[in-house]
């Protein structure tokens, strides 16, 4: 069935993805602006604010759209959970648009602080909006950053599928978004050095475009002068496939087996199925019609 953009259901889902991703980026980019431009807080502040942003964004959109908030998650759900492929591109565009608008708000709100810390709007504060290899400081190559994004997103997607599969032991009392937020906190604390743990194409591309349009002319390149914007897009998409496949192999297949066993009819305890006796064979030497 072709997708219709005037469909109110789809429009509501896209609006929810836009709003949820906007909330995520308001907290994420906002905390990085405080830390890197104003010196308020540290790496732990960044990790916790990003995680809380994910949780609050998920609560915003969860009931309506499922709160993907990330094109890599949308791709993984289409591959491994039956999410409609026709919705993947619209969801991704809504997520990127939400991230773009949120980054513009952060850029506007922190314009004085950013100008004081970095009058030329250079790589010194570009990290407020988008990621760089080695966070623009450590000697990490594009290959190293791509590897990091694949691994980091695979971890994220694997655990998102673990926490949201109702056949597993999912969080109760609507705590799913909190635990997924904690996953992002953990990824930030353990996998944040090589590429700034974008793990989300919309989270990086939307703010990167916003920064470029508001004075950061080097936004598309890394500290080596090479085009870098593609790494936080391609890496997370590949990582989503890897993470989903690992879940399928190591956890999903076991859950499938348990589901099949649960569907089998129960037998009374201690009763064994009776074997069907074989048909009696005719005595040798006797033929039909003879006595």
C-alpha atoms as a PDB file:
ATOM      1  CA  UNK A   1       0.000   0.000   0.000  1.00  0.00           C
ATOM      2  CA  UNK A   2       1.603   3.327  -1.004  1.00  0.00           C
ATOM      3  CA  UNK A   3       2.304   5.840   1.699  1.00  0.00           C
ATOM      4  CA  UNK A   4       0.078   8.904   1.814  1.00  0.00           C
ATOM      5  CA  UNK A   5       1.560  11.974   3.432  1.00  0.00           C
ATOM      6  CA  UNK A   6      -1.907  13.336   4.214  1.00  0.00           C
ATOM      7  CA  UNK A   7      -2.497  10.282   6.393  1.00  0.00           C
ATOM      8  CA  UNK A   8      -3.171  11.726   9.846  1.00  0.00           C
ATOM      9  CA  UNK A   9      -1.639   8.701  11.536  1.00  0.00           C
ATOM     10  CA  UNK A  10       1.669   9.099   9.723  1.00  0.00           C
ATOM     11  CA  UNK A  11       1.642  12.860  10.239  1.00  0.00           C
ATOM     12  CA  UNK A  12       1.212  12.351  13.982  1.00  0.00           C
ATOM     13  CA  UNK A  13       4.086   9.856  14.045  1.00  0.00           C
ATOM     14  CA  UNK A  14       6.386  12.243  12.175  1.00  0.00           C
ATOM     15  CA  UNK A  15       5.435  15.111  14.482  1.00  0.00           C
ATOM     16  CA  UNK A  16       6.240  12.925  17.486  1.00  0.00           C
ATOM     17  CA  UNK A  17       9.622  11.927  16.034  1.00  0.00           C
ATOM     18  CA  UNK A  18      10.369  15.598  15.335  1.00  0.00           C
ATOM     19  CA  UNK A  19       9.437  16.633  18.883  1.00  0.00           C
ATOM     20  CA  UNK A  20      11.214  13.739  20.580  1.00  0.00           C
ATOM     21  CA  UNK A  21      14.454  14.337  18.677  1.00  0.00           C
ATOM     22  CA  UNK A  22      14.180  18.069  19.330  1.00  0.00           C
ATOM     23  CA  UNK A  23      14.035  17.391  23.086  1.00  0.00           C
ATOM     24  CA  UNK A  24      17.026  15.061  22.808  1.00  0.00           C
ATOM     25  CA  UNK A  25      19.186  17.639  21.025  1.00  0.00           C
ATOM     26  CA  UNK A  26      18.130  20.557  23.229  1.00  0.00           C
ATOM     27  CA  UNK A  27      19.670  18.779  26.212  1.00  0.00           C
ATOM     28  CA  UNK A  28      22.551  17.183  24.295  1.00  0.00           C
ATOM     29  CA  UNK A  29      23.897  20.160  22.380  1.00  0.00           C
ATOM     30  CA  UNK A  30      22.964  22.475  25.240  1.00  0.00           C
ATOM     31  CA  UNK A  31      25.168  20.655  27.747  1.00  0.00           C
ATOM     32  CA  UNK A  32      28.113  20.535  25.330  1.00  0.00           C
ATOM     33  CA  UNK A  33      27.782  24.303  24.824  1.00  0.00           C
ATOM     34  CA  UNK A  34      27.966  24.810  28.593  1.00  0.00           C
ATOM     35  CA  UNK A  35      30.967  22.573  29.036  1.00  0.00           C
ATOM     36  CA  UNK A  36      33.099  23.477  26.018  1.00  0.00           C
ATOM     37  CA  UNK A  37      32.258  27.169  25.639  1.00  0.00           C
ATOM     38  CA  UNK A  38      31.513  28.233  29.226  1.00  0.00           C
ATOM     39  CA  UNK A  39      33.540  25.703  31.200  1.00  0.00           C
ATOM     40  CA  UNK A  40      30.512  24.683  33.261  1.00  0.00           C
ATOM     41  CA  UNK A  41      30.552  20.936  33.958  1.00  0.00           C
ATOM     42  CA  UNK A  42      32.694  18.122  32.585  1.00  0.00           C
ATOM     43  CA  UNK A  43      32.534  14.910  30.559  1.00  0.00           C
ATOM     44  CA  UNK A  44      30.197  13.279  33.066  1.00  0.00           C
ATOM     45  CA  UNK A  45      27.797  16.211  32.697  1.00  0.00           C
ATOM     46  CA  UNK A  46      27.762  15.585  28.958  1.00  0.00           C
ATOM     47  CA  UNK A  47      27.165  11.852  29.280  1.00  0.00           C
ATOM     48  CA  UNK A  48      24.322  12.275  31.766  1.00  0.00           C
ATOM     49  CA  UNK A  49      22.581  15.083  29.886  1.00  0.00           C
ATOM     50  CA  UNK A  50      22.647  13.145  26.613  1.00  0.00           C
ATOM     51  CA  UNK A  51      21.193  10.109  28.382  1.00  0.00           C
ATOM     52  CA  UNK A  52      18.485  12.149  30.061  1.00  0.00           C
ATOM     53  CA  UNK A  53      17.735  13.813  26.737  1.00  0.00           C
ATOM     54  CA  UNK A  54      17.208  10.393  25.160  1.00  0.00           C
ATOM     55  CA  UNK A  55      14.915   9.292  28.000  1.00  0.00           C
ATOM     56  CA  UNK A  56      12.824  12.465  27.906  1.00  0.00           C
ATOM     57  CA  UNK A  57      12.642  12.409  24.112  1.00  0.00           C
ATOM     58  CA  UNK A  58      11.502   8.794  24.274  1.00  0.00           C
ATOM     59  CA  UNK A  59       8.747   9.656  26.740  1.00  0.00           C
ATOM     60  CA  UNK A  60       7.703  12.484  24.407  1.00  0.00           C
ATOM     61  CA  UNK A  61       7.266  10.308  21.328  1.00  0.00           C
ATOM     62  CA  UNK A  62       6.959   6.776  22.665  1.00  0.00           C
ATOM     63  CA  UNK A  63       3.191   6.295  22.629  1.00  0.00           C
ATOM     64  CA  UNK A  64       2.696   7.779  19.170  1.00  0.00           C
ATOM     65  CA  UNK A  65       5.665   6.701  17.063  1.00  0.00           C
ATOM     66  CA  UNK A  66       7.662   4.295  19.191  1.00  0.00           C
ATOM     67  CA  UNK A  67      10.317   6.993  19.785  1.00  0.00           C
ATOM     68  CA  UNK A  68      13.007   5.887  17.374  1.00  0.00           C
ATOM     69  CA  UNK A  69      14.706   9.334  17.495  1.00  0.00           C
ATOM     70  CA  UNK A  70      17.472   7.881  15.334  1.00  0.00           C
ATOM     71  CA  UNK A  71      17.537   6.749  11.687  1.00  0.00           C
ATOM     72  CA  UNK A  72      19.828   3.867  12.641  1.00  0.00           C
ATOM     73  CA  UNK A  73      17.187   2.582  15.066  1.00  0.00           C
ATOM     74  CA  UNK A  74      14.501   2.952  12.389  1.00  0.00           C
ATOM     75  CA  UNK A  75      16.608   0.888   9.966  1.00  0.00           C
ATOM     76  CA  UNK A  76      17.248  -1.784  12.608  1.00  0.00           C
ATOM     77  CA  UNK A  77      13.542  -2.025  13.443  1.00  0.00           C
ATOM     78  CA  UNK A  78      12.695  -2.333   9.751  1.00  0.00           C
ATOM     79  CA  UNK A  79      15.241  -5.119   9.317  1.00  0.00           C
ATOM     80  CA  UNK A  80      14.538  -7.102  12.477  1.00  0.00           C
ATOM     81  CA  UNK A  81      11.170  -6.051  13.927  1.00  0.00           C
ATOM     82  CA  UNK A  82       8.869  -5.614  10.937  1.00  0.00           C
ATOM     83  CA  UNK A  83       8.737  -1.808  10.976  1.00  0.00           C
ATOM     84  CA  UNK A  84       7.433  -0.595   7.612  1.00  0.00           C
ATOM     85  CA  UNK A  85      10.262   0.269   5.238  1.00  0.00           C
ATOM     86  CA  UNK A  86       8.071   2.932   3.632  1.00  0.00           C
ATOM     87  CA  UNK A  87       8.262   4.882   6.905  1.00  0.00           C
ATOM     88  CA  UNK A  88      12.040   4.755   7.362  1.00  0.00           C
ATOM     89  CA  UNK A  89      12.854   7.759   5.153  1.00  0.00           C
ATOM     90  CA  UNK A  90      10.031   9.994   6.499  1.00  0.00           C
ATOM     91  CA  UNK A  91      10.996   9.111  10.069  1.00  0.00           C
ATOM     92  CA  UNK A  92      14.657   9.890   9.322  1.00  0.00           C
ATOM     93  CA  UNK A  93      13.775  13.256   7.791  1.00  0.00           C
ATOM     94  CA  UNK A  94      11.562  14.159  10.769  1.00  0.00           C
ATOM     95  CA  UNK A  95      14.322  13.180  13.191  1.00  0.00           C
ATOM     96  CA  UNK A  96      16.923  15.214  11.296  1.00  0.00           C
ATOM     97  CA  UNK A  97      14.579  18.207  11.130  1.00  0.00           C
ATOM     98  CA  UNK A  98      13.975  18.037  14.879  1.00  0.00           C
ATOM     99  CA  UNK A  99      17.715  17.907  15.518  1.00  0.00           C
ATOM    100  CA  UNK A 100      18.275  20.840  13.145  1.00  0.00           C
ATOM    101  CA  UNK A 101      15.706  23.089  14.832  1.00  0.00           C
ATOM    102  CA  UNK A 102      16.976  22.188  18.311  1.00  0.00           C
ATOM    103  CA  UNK A 103      20.545  23.014  17.299  1.00  0.00           C
ATOM    104  CA  UNK A 104      19.416  26.381  15.953  1.00  0.00           C
ATOM    105  CA  UNK A 105      17.837  27.131  19.339  1.00  0.00           C
ATOM    106  CA  UNK A 106      21.035  26.155  21.155  1.00  0.00           C
ATOM    107  CA  UNK A 107      23.107  28.245  18.734  1.00  0.00           C
ATOM    108  CA  UNK A 108      20.850  31.251  19.299  1.00  0.00           C
ATOM    109  CA  UNK A 109      20.692  30.895  23.058  1.00  0.00           C
ATOM    110  CA  UNK A 110      24.449  30.472  23.495  1.00  0.00           C
ATOM    111  CA  UNK A 111      25.470  32.940  20.776  1.00  0.00           C
ATOM    112  CA  UNK A 112      27.223  35.332  23.190  1.00  0.00           C
ATOM    113  CA  UNK A 113      29.070  32.568  25.032  1.00  0.00           C
ATOM    114  CA  UNK A 114      30.156  30.890  21.804  1.00  0.00           C
ATOM    115  CA  UNK A 115      31.348  34.207  20.346  1.00  0.00           C
ATOM    116  CA  UNK A 116      33.387  34.954  23.481  1.00  0.00           C
ATOM    117  CA  UNK A 117      34.975  31.495  23.583  1.00  0.00           C
ATOM    118  CA  UNK A 118      35.555  31.176  19.841  1.00  0.00           C
ATOM    119  CA  UNK A 119      35.099  34.430  17.867  1.00  0.00           C
ATOM    120  CA  UNK A 120      36.010  32.760  14.570  1.00  0.00           C
ATOM    121  CA  UNK A 121      33.523  29.911  15.041  1.00  0.00           C
ATOM    122  CA  UNK A 122      36.145  27.266  14.439  1.00  0.00           C
ATOM    123  CA  UNK A 123      36.664  23.644  15.385  1.00  0.00           C
ATOM    124  CA  UNK A 124      37.243  24.826  18.936  1.00  0.00           C
ATOM    125  CA  UNK A 125      33.477  24.964  19.488  1.00  0.00           C
ATOM    126  CA  UNK A 126      32.256  22.983  16.464  1.00  0.00           C
ATOM    127  CA  UNK A 127      31.962  20.010  18.802  1.00  0.00           C
ATOM    128  CA  UNK A 128      28.972  21.705  20.434  1.00  0.00           C
ATOM    129  CA  UNK A 129      26.961  20.715  17.381  1.00  0.00           C
ATOM    130  CA  UNK A 130      28.643  17.792  15.637  1.00  0.00           C
ATOM    131  CA  UNK A 131      31.313  15.193  16.198  1.00  0.00           C
ATOM    132  CA  UNK A 132      34.961  14.967  15.158  1.00  0.00           C
ATOM    133  CA  UNK A 133      37.516  12.153  15.130  1.00  0.00           C
ATOM    134  CA  UNK A 134      39.163  12.033  18.524  1.00  0.00           C
ATOM    135  CA  UNK A 135      36.858  14.900  19.560  1.00  0.00           C
ATOM    136  CA  UNK A 136      39.116  17.136  17.475  1.00  0.00           C
ATOM    137  CA  UNK A 137      42.016  16.555  19.881  1.00  0.00           C
ATOM    138  CA  UNK A 138      43.279  12.983  19.808  1.00  0.00           C
ATOM    139  CA  UNK A 139      45.057  11.431  16.779  1.00  0.00           C
ATOM    140  CA  UNK A 140      42.166   9.311  15.522  1.00  0.00           C
ATOM    141  CA  UNK A 141      41.789   8.714  11.789  1.00  0.00           C
ATOM    142  CA  UNK A 142      38.544   8.637   9.836  1.00  0.00           C
ATOM    143  CA  UNK A 143      38.843   4.855   9.719  1.00  0.00           C
ATOM    144  CA  UNK A 144      39.218   4.760  13.494  1.00  0.00           C
ATOM    145  CA  UNK A 145      36.180   6.996  13.908  1.00  0.00           C
ATOM    146  CA  UNK A 146      34.136   4.876  11.482  1.00  0.00           C
ATOM    147  CA  UNK A 147      35.084   1.715  13.359  1.00  0.00           C
ATOM    148  CA  UNK A 148      34.093   3.390  16.616  1.00  0.00           C
ATOM    149  CA  UNK A 149      30.708   4.436  15.268  1.00  0.00           C
ATOM    150  CA  UNK A 150      29.944   0.953  13.994  1.00  0.00           C
ATOM    151  CA  UNK A 151      30.789  -0.618  17.355  1.00  0.00           C
ATOM    152  CA  UNK A 152      29.064   2.051  19.462  1.00  0.00           C
ATOM    153  CA  UNK A 153      25.840   1.924  17.446  1.00  0.00           C
ATOM    154  CA  UNK A 154      25.880  -1.869  17.430  1.00  0.00           C
ATOM    155  CA  UNK A 155      25.987  -1.777  21.240  1.00  0.00           C
ATOM    156  CA  UNK A 156      23.128   0.727  21.328  1.00  0.00           C
ATOM    157  CA  UNK A 157      20.877  -1.167  18.901  1.00  0.00           C
ATOM    158  CA  UNK A 158      21.597  -4.549  20.498  1.00  0.00           C
ATOM    159  CA  UNK A 159      20.549  -3.249  23.912  1.00  0.00           C
ATOM    160  CA  UNK A 160      17.536  -1.337  22.569  1.00  0.00           C
ATOM    161  CA  UNK A 161      16.265  -4.611  21.086  1.00  0.00           C
ATOM    162  CA  UNK A 162      17.027  -6.458  24.329  1.00  0.00           C
ATOM    163  CA  UNK A 163      15.083  -3.907  26.378  1.00  0.00           C
ATOM    164  CA  UNK A 164      12.091  -3.610  24.064  1.00  0.00           C
ATOM    165  CA  UNK A 165      11.427  -7.252  23.129  1.00  0.00           C
ATOM    166  CA  UNK A 166       8.299  -8.182  25.082  1.00  0.00           C
ATOM    167  CA  UNK A 167       9.276 -11.863  24.956  1.00  0.00           C
ATOM    168  CA  UNK A 168      12.382 -11.115  26.994  1.00  0.00           C
ATOM    169  CA  UNK A 169      12.302  -9.490  30.454  1.00  0.00           C
ATOM    170  CA  UNK A 170      11.363  -5.922  29.433  1.00  0.00           C
ATOM    171  CA  UNK A 171      11.387  -3.058  31.944  1.00  0.00           C
ATOM    172  CA  UNK A 172       8.096  -2.711  33.792  1.00  0.00           C
ATOM    173  CA  UNK A 173       6.174   0.389  34.920  1.00  0.00           C
ATOM    174  CA  UNK A 174       7.087   2.287  31.762  1.00  0.00           C
ATOM    175  CA  UNK A 175      10.789   2.415  32.681  1.00  0.00           C
ATOM    176  CA  UNK A 176      11.994   1.475  29.189  1.00  0.00           C
ATOM    177  CA  UNK A 177      12.993   5.041  28.186  1.00  0.00           C
ATOM    178  CA  UNK A 178      14.949   5.469  31.428  1.00  0.00           C
ATOM    179  CA  UNK A 179      16.984   2.330  30.822  1.00  0.00           C
ATOM    180  CA  UNK A 180      17.609   3.211  27.178  1.00  0.00           C
ATOM    181  CA  UNK A 181      18.783   6.616  28.390  1.00  0.00           C
ATOM    182  CA  UNK A 182      21.165   4.829  30.761  1.00  0.00           C
ATOM    183  CA  UNK A 183      22.475   2.822  27.814  1.00  0.00           C
ATOM    184  CA  UNK A 184      23.379   6.120  26.122  1.00  0.00           C
ATOM    185  CA  UNK A 185      25.040   7.330  29.341  1.00  0.00           C
ATOM    186  CA  UNK A 186      27.108   4.134  29.424  1.00  0.00           C
ATOM    187  CA  UNK A 187      28.051   4.421  25.744  1.00  0.00           C
ATOM    188  CA  UNK A 188      29.137   8.010  26.338  1.00  0.00           C
ATOM    189  CA  UNK A 189      31.264   7.046  29.316  1.00  0.00           C
ATOM    190  CA  UNK A 190      32.824   4.017  27.653  1.00  0.00           C
ATOM    191  CA  UNK A 191      32.884   4.867  23.932  1.00  0.00           C
ATOM    192  CA  UNK A 192      33.092   8.646  23.711  1.00  0.00           C
ATOM    193  CA  UNK A 193      36.735   9.339  22.875  1.00  0.00           C
ATOM    194  CA  UNK A 194      37.275   8.175  19.300  1.00  0.00           C
ATOM    195  CA  UNK A 195      34.326   9.893  17.633  1.00  0.00           C
ATOM    196  CA  UNK A 196      32.180  11.644  20.218  1.00  0.00           C
ATOM    197  CA  UNK A 197      29.556   8.838  20.236  1.00  0.00           C
ATOM    198  CA  UNK A 198      27.185  10.340  17.695  1.00  0.00           C
ATOM    199  CA  UNK A 199      25.631   6.838  17.156  1.00  0.00           C
ATOM    200  CA  UNK A 200      22.784   8.653  15.399  1.00  0.00           C
ATOM    201  CA  UNK A 201      22.890  10.163  11.875  1.00  0.00           C
ATOM    202  CA  UNK A 202      20.146  12.703  12.661  1.00  0.00           C
ATOM    203  CA  UNK A 203      21.859  13.825  15.868  1.00  0.00           C
ATOM    204  CA  UNK A 204      24.992  14.720  13.886  1.00  0.00           C
ATOM    205  CA  UNK A 205      23.727  15.844  10.486  1.00  0.00           C
ATOM    206  CA  UNK A 206      20.952  18.174  11.700  1.00  0.00           C
ATOM    207  CA  UNK A 207      23.142  20.173  14.116  1.00  0.00           C
ATOM    208  CA  UNK A 208      26.065  20.115  11.663  1.00  0.00           C
ATOM    209  CA  UNK A 209      23.874  21.787   9.036  1.00  0.00           C
ATOM    210  CA  UNK A 210      22.594  24.288  11.614  1.00  0.00           C
ATOM    211  CA  UNK A 211      26.138  25.234  12.615  1.00  0.00           C
ATOM    212  CA  UNK A 212      27.212  25.606   8.984  1.00  0.00           C
ATOM    213  CA  UNK A 213      24.327  27.969   8.249  1.00  0.00           C
ATOM    214  CA  UNK A 214      25.164  30.088  11.304  1.00  0.00           C
ATOM    215  CA  UNK A 215      28.857  30.743  10.749  1.00  0.00           C
ATOM    216  CA  UNK A 216      30.790  27.495  11.144  1.00  0.00           C
ATOM    217  CA  UNK A 217      32.205  27.290   7.646  1.00  0.00           C
ATOM    218  CA  UNK A 218      34.367  24.267   8.430  1.00  0.00           C
ATOM    219  CA  UNK A 219      31.473  22.229   9.752  1.00  0.00           C
ATOM    220  CA  UNK A 220      31.714  19.520   7.095  1.00  0.00           C
ATOM    221  CA  UNK A 221      35.412  18.798   7.657  1.00  0.00           C
ATOM    222  CA  UNK A 222      37.524  17.396  10.459  1.00  0.00           C
ATOM    223  CA  UNK A 223      40.666  18.820  12.045  1.00  0.00           C
ATOM    224  CA  UNK A 224      42.737  17.337   9.201  1.00  0.00           C
ATOM    225  CA  UNK A 225      40.771  19.229   6.548  1.00  0.00           C
ATOM    226  CA  UNK A 226      39.066  16.088   5.212  1.00  0.00           C
ATOM    227  CA  UNK A 227      35.332  15.742   4.592  1.00  0.00           C
ATOM    228  CA  UNK A 228      34.056  14.004   7.690  1.00  0.00           C
ATOM    229  CA  UNK A 229      30.277  14.477   7.831  1.00  0.00           C
ATOM    230  CA  UNK A 230      29.667  11.072   6.207  1.00  0.00           C
ATOM    231  CA  UNK A 231      31.294   9.085   9.028  1.00  0.00           C
ATOM    232  CA  UNK A 232      28.553   9.703  11.661  1.00  0.00           C
ATOM    233  CA  UNK A 233      25.974   8.781   9.011  1.00  0.00           C
ATOM    234  CA  UNK A 234      27.458   5.629   7.467  1.00  0.00           C
ATOM    235  CA  UNK A 235      28.978   4.273  10.685  1.00  0.00           C
ATOM    236  CA  UNK A 236      25.717   4.230  12.702  1.00  0.00           C
ATOM    237  CA  UNK A 237      23.738   2.736   9.804  1.00  0.00           C
ATOM    238  CA  UNK A 238      26.247  -0.110   9.483  1.00  0.00           C
ATOM    239  CA  UNK A 239      26.361  -0.501  13.254  1.00  0.00           C
ATOM    240  CA  UNK A 240      22.571  -0.810  13.367  1.00  0.00           C
ATOM    241  CA  UNK A 241      22.725  -3.797  11.017  1.00  0.00           C
ATOM    242  CA  UNK A 242      25.510  -5.400  13.062  1.00  0.00           C
ATOM    243  CA  UNK A 243      23.758  -4.827  16.385  1.00  0.00           C
ATOM    244  CA  UNK A 244      20.441  -6.132  15.101  1.00  0.00           C
ATOM    245  CA  UNK A 245      22.069  -9.229  13.609  1.00  0.00           C
ATOM    246  CA  UNK A 246      23.903  -9.976  16.859  1.00  0.00           C
ATOM    247  CA  UNK A 247      20.642  -9.697  18.774  1.00  0.00           C
ATOM    248  CA  UNK A 248      18.955 -12.011  16.270  1.00  0.00           C
ATOM    249  CA  UNK A 249      21.689 -14.638  16.562  1.00  0.00           C
ATOM    250  CA  UNK A 250      22.408 -14.583  20.271  1.00  0.00           C
ATOM    251  CA  UNK A 251      19.086 -13.613  21.872  1.00  0.00           C
ATOM    252  CA  UNK A 252      16.255 -13.524  19.340  1.00  0.00           C
ATOM    253  CA  UNK A 253      16.696 -17.145  18.242  1.00  0.00           C
ATOM    254  CA  UNK A 254      16.464 -18.286  21.864  1.00  0.00           C
ATOM    255  CA  UNK A 255      13.329 -16.216  22.416  1.00  0.00           C
ATOM    256  CA  UNK A 256      11.825 -17.735  19.265  1.00  0.00           C
ATOM    257  CA  UNK A 257      12.451 -21.216  20.667  1.00  0.00           C
ATOM    258  CA  UNK A 258      10.846 -20.366  23.998  1.00  0.00           C
ATOM    259  CA  UNK A 259       7.867 -18.914  22.164  1.00  0.00           C
ATOM    260  CA  UNK A 260       7.435 -22.104  20.138  1.00  0.00           C
ATOM    261  CA  UNK A 261       7.652 -24.257  23.259  1.00  0.00           C
ATOM    262  CA  UNK A 262       5.066 -22.103  25.012  1.00  0.00           C
ATOM    263  CA  UNK A 263       2.704 -22.521  22.064  1.00  0.00           C
ATOM    264  CA  UNK A 264       2.793 -26.328  22.185  1.00  0.00           C
ATOM    265  CA  UNK A 265      -0.259 -27.968  23.842  1.00  0.00           C
ATOM    266  CA  UNK A 266       0.412 -28.873  27.455  1.00  0.00           C
ATOM    267  CA  UNK A 267       0.255 -32.544  28.530  1.00  0.00           C
ATOM    268  CA  UNK A 268      -0.799 -33.737  31.985  1.00  0.00           C
ATOM    269  CA  UNK A 269       2.212 -34.263  34.187  1.00  0.00           C
ATOM    270  CA  UNK A 270       3.587 -37.807  34.034  1.00  0.00           C
ATOM    271  CA  UNK A 271       1.571 -38.775  30.951  1.00  0.00           C
ATOM    272  CA  UNK A 272       3.567 -39.890  27.961  1.00  0.00           C
ATOM    273  CA  UNK A 273       2.208 -39.827  24.440  1.00  0.00           C
ATOM    274  CA  UNK A 274       1.149 -43.349  23.398  1.00  0.00           C
ATOM    275  CA  UNK A 275       2.739 -44.857  20.381  1.00  0.00           C
ATOM    276  CA  UNK A 276       0.386 -45.939  17.595  1.00  0.00           C
ATOM    277  CA  UNK A 277       0.580 -49.748  17.313  1.00  0.00           C
ATOM    278  CA  UNK A 278       1.611 -51.024  13.910  1.00  0.00           C
ATOM    279  CA  UNK A 279      -0.968 -52.805  11.747  1.00  0.00           C
ATOM    280  CA  UNK A 280      -1.072 -56.552  12.314  1.00  0.00           C
ATOM    281  CA  UNK A 281       0.498 -58.402   9.420  1.00  0.00           C
ATOM    282  CA  UNK A 282      -1.152 -61.465   7.893  1.00  0.00           C
ATOM    283  CA  UNK A 283       0.271 -64.836   8.847  1.00  0.00           C
ATOM    284  CA  UNK A 284       2.706 -66.143   6.338  1.00  0.00           C
ATOM    285  CA  UNK A 285       1.272 -68.510   3.837  1.00  0.00           C
ATOM    286  CA  UNK A 286      -2.297 -67.212   4.024  1.00  0.00           C
ATOM    287  CA  UNK A 287      -3.853 -65.330   1.151  1.00  0.00           C
ATOM    288  CA  UNK A 288      -6.988 -63.296   0.833  1.00  0.00           C
ATOM    289  CA  UNK A 289     -10.049 -65.462   0.173  1.00  0.00           C
ATOM    290  CA  UNK A 290      -8.477 -68.630   1.549  1.00  0.00           C
ATOM    291  CA  UNK A 291      -9.126 -70.364   4.808  1.00  0.00           C
END
